Amino acid sequence: MRTINGILYVLVTGCRWMDMPKEYGSHKTAWRRLKEWQERGVWEGLWQRLLELGYQAGRLKLGAVAIDATTIEARKGGRE
C-alpha cells in the first residue's frame, strides 16, 4: 500500500520521484512498479473493476458522468 500511495503522491503533486516522501518507501521502487503496472495493464484493469463495482452498487450512472477535454502539457521529456 505504501508503494501505491507513493505513486499517487508523485502523480498528484507533480513532484520529482526523488522528492517523494520517505514514508512511501523507495522512490526507485515506486517508479519501477508504476512502469511495470502500466505495461501489464494493471491500472486499466483497476479502473474497469471500479467502474463495474460502482454500477453494481448503483452509485455510478451514465447520466452522472462528465467528460473533460482539458489537455495538460507534458513536463520535460514529454513526447510530441
N, C-alpha and C. Protein backbone atom coordinates (compact mmCIF):
# COMPACT_ATOMS: atom_id res chain seq x y z
N MET A 1 0.82 -1.18 0.00
CA MET A 1 0.00 0.00 0.00
C MET A 1 0.88 1.26 0.00
N ARG A 2 2.04 1.18 0.66
CA ARG A 2 2.94 2.34 0.67
C ARG A 2 3.35 2.72 -0.73
N THR A 3 3.65 1.72 -1.55
CA THR A 3 4.10 2.00 -2.92
C THR A 3 3.01 2.68 -3.73
N ILE A 4 1.79 2.18 -3.63
CA ILE A 4 0.67 2.79 -4.36
C ILE A 4 0.48 4.23 -3.90
N ASN A 5 0.53 4.45 -2.60
CA ASN A 5 0.39 5.82 -2.08
C ASN A 5 1.52 6.72 -2.57
N GLY A 6 2.72 6.18 -2.66
CA GLY A 6 3.85 6.95 -3.18
C GLY A 6 3.65 7.32 -4.64
N ILE A 7 3.20 6.36 -5.44
CA ILE A 7 2.93 6.62 -6.86
C ILE A 7 1.87 7.71 -6.99
N LEU A 8 0.79 7.56 -6.24
CA LEU A 8 -0.29 8.55 -6.31
C LEU A 8 0.20 9.92 -5.84
N TYR A 9 1.04 9.95 -4.83
CA TYR A 9 1.59 11.22 -4.34
C TYR A 9 2.34 11.95 -5.45
N VAL A 10 3.21 11.23 -6.14
CA VAL A 10 4.01 11.85 -7.21
C VAL A 10 3.11 12.28 -8.37
N LEU A 11 2.15 11.44 -8.75
CA LEU A 11 1.29 11.78 -9.87
C LEU A 11 0.38 12.97 -9.56
N VAL A 12 -0.10 13.06 -8.34
CA VAL A 12 -0.99 14.16 -7.96
C VAL A 12 -0.24 15.46 -7.76
N THR A 13 0.90 15.40 -7.08
CA THR A 13 1.64 16.63 -6.77
C THR A 13 2.54 17.09 -7.91
N GLY A 14 2.96 16.15 -8.76
CA GLY A 14 3.86 16.51 -9.85
C GLY A 14 5.30 16.65 -9.41
N CYS A 15 5.61 16.21 -8.19
CA CYS A 15 6.98 16.32 -7.70
C CYS A 15 7.88 15.31 -8.42
N ARG A 16 9.18 15.50 -8.28
CA ARG A 16 10.13 14.54 -8.84
C ARG A 16 10.08 13.27 -8.01
N TRP A 17 10.36 12.13 -8.64
CA TRP A 17 10.35 10.86 -7.92
C TRP A 17 11.27 10.91 -6.71
N MET A 18 12.44 11.52 -6.87
CA MET A 18 13.39 11.54 -5.75
C MET A 18 12.91 12.40 -4.59
N ASP A 19 11.88 13.23 -4.83
CA ASP A 19 11.33 14.07 -3.77
C ASP A 19 10.11 13.44 -3.09
N MET A 20 9.79 12.22 -3.48
CA MET A 20 8.68 11.51 -2.85
C MET A 20 9.02 11.29 -1.38
N PRO A 21 8.09 11.57 -0.45
CA PRO A 21 8.38 11.39 0.97
C PRO A 21 8.83 9.96 1.29
N LYS A 22 9.78 9.84 2.17
CA LYS A 22 10.36 8.54 2.54
C LYS A 22 9.33 7.59 3.15
N GLU A 23 8.25 8.15 3.72
CA GLU A 23 7.22 7.30 4.34
C GLU A 23 6.58 6.35 3.34
N TYR A 24 6.74 6.63 2.02
CA TYR A 24 6.17 5.77 0.99
C TYR A 24 7.17 4.73 0.49
N GLY A 25 8.33 4.68 1.09
CA GLY A 25 9.34 3.72 0.67
C GLY A 25 10.28 4.31 -0.38
N SER A 26 10.91 3.43 -1.12
CA SER A 26 11.90 3.84 -2.11
C SER A 26 11.23 4.45 -3.34
N HIS A 27 11.72 5.62 -3.76
CA HIS A 27 11.17 6.25 -4.96
C HIS A 27 11.51 5.42 -6.20
N LYS A 28 12.63 4.72 -6.17
CA LYS A 28 13.01 3.88 -7.31
C LYS A 28 12.05 2.71 -7.45
N THR A 29 11.67 2.11 -6.33
CA THR A 29 10.73 1.00 -6.36
C THR A 29 9.37 1.49 -6.87
N ALA A 30 8.92 2.63 -6.38
CA ALA A 30 7.64 3.18 -6.81
C ALA A 30 7.63 3.44 -8.31
N TRP A 31 8.71 4.02 -8.83
CA TRP A 31 8.79 4.30 -10.26
C TRP A 31 8.78 3.01 -11.07
N ARG A 32 9.55 2.02 -10.63
CA ARG A 32 9.59 0.73 -11.34
C ARG A 32 8.21 0.06 -11.33
N ARG A 33 7.53 0.09 -10.18
CA ARG A 33 6.20 -0.52 -10.09
C ARG A 33 5.21 0.18 -11.02
N LEU A 34 5.25 1.51 -11.05
CA LEU A 34 4.36 2.25 -11.94
C LEU A 34 4.58 1.82 -13.38
N LYS A 35 5.82 1.77 -13.79
CA LYS A 35 6.15 1.39 -15.16
C LYS A 35 5.69 -0.04 -15.45
N GLU A 36 5.98 -0.96 -14.54
CA GLU A 36 5.59 -2.36 -14.72
C GLU A 36 4.07 -2.51 -14.79
N TRP A 37 3.37 -1.84 -13.88
CA TRP A 37 1.91 -1.95 -13.84
C TRP A 37 1.28 -1.30 -15.07
N GLN A 38 1.87 -0.25 -15.59
CA GLN A 38 1.37 0.36 -16.83
C GLN A 38 1.50 -0.63 -17.98
N GLU A 39 2.67 -1.26 -18.08
CA GLU A 39 2.92 -2.21 -19.16
C GLU A 39 2.01 -3.43 -19.08
N ARG A 40 1.67 -3.86 -17.87
CA ARG A 40 0.83 -5.04 -17.68
C ARG A 40 -0.67 -4.74 -17.70
N GLY A 41 -1.02 -3.47 -17.79
CA GLY A 41 -2.43 -3.08 -17.85
C GLY A 41 -3.14 -3.11 -16.51
N VAL A 42 -2.38 -3.05 -15.43
CA VAL A 42 -2.96 -3.11 -14.09
C VAL A 42 -3.87 -1.91 -13.83
N TRP A 43 -3.46 -0.71 -14.22
CA TRP A 43 -4.25 0.49 -13.96
C TRP A 43 -5.56 0.44 -14.74
N GLU A 44 -5.51 0.00 -15.99
CA GLU A 44 -6.71 -0.13 -16.80
C GLU A 44 -7.68 -1.13 -16.17
N GLY A 45 -7.15 -2.26 -15.72
CA GLY A 45 -7.98 -3.27 -15.07
C GLY A 45 -8.61 -2.76 -13.78
N LEU A 46 -7.85 -2.01 -13.01
CA LEU A 46 -8.36 -1.43 -11.76
C LEU A 46 -9.49 -0.45 -12.06
N TRP A 47 -9.29 0.39 -13.05
CA TRP A 47 -10.30 1.36 -13.45
C TRP A 47 -11.59 0.64 -13.88
N GLN A 48 -11.44 -0.40 -14.71
CA GLN A 48 -12.61 -1.16 -15.17
C GLN A 48 -13.35 -1.80 -14.00
N ARG A 49 -12.61 -2.37 -13.06
CA ARG A 49 -13.23 -3.02 -11.90
C ARG A 49 -13.97 -2.00 -11.02
N LEU A 50 -13.37 -0.83 -10.81
CA LEU A 50 -14.02 0.20 -10.01
C LEU A 50 -15.31 0.69 -10.68
N LEU A 51 -15.28 0.82 -12.01
CA LEU A 51 -16.49 1.19 -12.73
C LEU A 51 -17.57 0.12 -12.54
N GLU A 52 -17.18 -1.11 -12.70
CA GLU A 52 -18.11 -2.23 -12.53
C GLU A 52 -18.74 -2.23 -11.14
N LEU A 53 -17.93 -2.07 -10.12
CA LEU A 53 -18.45 -2.04 -8.75
C LEU A 53 -19.37 -0.84 -8.52
N GLY A 54 -19.03 0.29 -9.10
CA GLY A 54 -19.86 1.48 -8.97
C GLY A 54 -21.23 1.29 -9.60
N TYR A 55 -21.26 0.67 -10.78
CA TYR A 55 -22.53 0.39 -11.43
C TYR A 55 -23.34 -0.63 -10.63
N GLN A 56 -22.70 -1.69 -10.17
CA GLN A 56 -23.40 -2.72 -9.40
C GLN A 56 -24.01 -2.17 -8.12
N ALA A 57 -23.31 -1.26 -7.48
CA ALA A 57 -23.78 -0.68 -6.22
C ALA A 57 -24.81 0.43 -6.45
N GLY A 58 -25.05 0.78 -7.70
CA GLY A 58 -25.99 1.85 -8.00
C GLY A 58 -25.46 3.23 -7.70
N ARG A 59 -24.15 3.33 -7.50
CA ARG A 59 -23.54 4.62 -7.16
C ARG A 59 -23.00 5.35 -8.39
N LEU A 60 -23.01 4.66 -9.51
CA LEU A 60 -22.49 5.25 -10.74
C LEU A 60 -23.53 5.04 -11.83
N LYS A 61 -23.92 6.13 -12.45
CA LYS A 61 -24.90 6.08 -13.53
C LYS A 61 -24.34 6.87 -14.70
N LEU A 62 -24.56 6.37 -15.89
CA LEU A 62 -24.01 7.02 -17.07
C LEU A 62 -24.47 8.47 -17.17
N GLY A 63 -25.68 8.78 -16.74
CA GLY A 63 -26.19 10.14 -16.79
C GLY A 63 -25.45 11.10 -15.87
N ALA A 64 -24.68 10.56 -14.93
CA ALA A 64 -23.98 11.40 -13.97
C ALA A 64 -22.50 11.56 -14.31
N VAL A 65 -22.11 11.18 -15.50
CA VAL A 65 -20.70 11.21 -15.89
C VAL A 65 -20.41 12.48 -16.68
N ALA A 66 -19.29 13.10 -16.40
CA ALA A 66 -18.84 14.28 -17.14
C ALA A 66 -17.49 13.99 -17.78
N ILE A 67 -17.30 14.51 -18.96
CA ILE A 67 -16.03 14.32 -19.66
C ILE A 67 -15.37 15.68 -19.82
N ASP A 68 -14.08 15.74 -19.49
CA ASP A 68 -13.33 16.98 -19.58
C ASP A 68 -12.25 16.81 -20.63
N ALA A 69 -12.17 17.73 -21.54
CA ALA A 69 -11.19 17.64 -22.61
C ALA A 69 -9.96 18.50 -22.34
N THR A 70 -9.68 18.76 -21.08
CA THR A 70 -8.52 19.55 -20.73
C THR A 70 -7.24 18.82 -21.10
N THR A 71 -6.30 19.53 -21.67
CA THR A 71 -5.01 18.95 -22.04
C THR A 71 -3.95 19.60 -21.17
N ILE A 72 -3.09 18.77 -20.63
CA ILE A 72 -2.00 19.27 -19.78
C ILE A 72 -0.69 19.01 -20.50
N GLU A 73 0.09 20.05 -20.67
CA GLU A 73 1.38 19.93 -21.34
C GLU A 73 2.31 19.05 -20.53
N ALA A 74 2.99 18.14 -21.21
CA ALA A 74 3.93 17.25 -20.55
C ALA A 74 5.11 18.05 -20.01
N ARG A 75 5.61 17.62 -18.86
CA ARG A 75 6.81 18.24 -18.30
C ARG A 75 8.01 17.80 -19.15
N LYS A 76 9.16 18.24 -18.79
CA LYS A 76 10.36 17.97 -19.57
C LYS A 76 10.43 16.51 -20.01
N GLY A 77 10.81 16.30 -21.24
CA GLY A 77 10.97 14.96 -21.79
C GLY A 77 9.71 14.37 -22.38
N GLY A 78 8.61 15.14 -22.42
CA GLY A 78 7.36 14.63 -22.96
C GLY A 78 7.47 14.45 -24.48
N ARG A 79 6.78 13.44 -24.99
CA ARG A 79 6.80 13.19 -26.44
C ARG A 79 5.77 14.06 -27.13
N GLU A 80 6.03 14.37 -28.37
CA GLU A 80 5.09 15.18 -29.14
C GLU A 80 4.18 14.29 -29.93
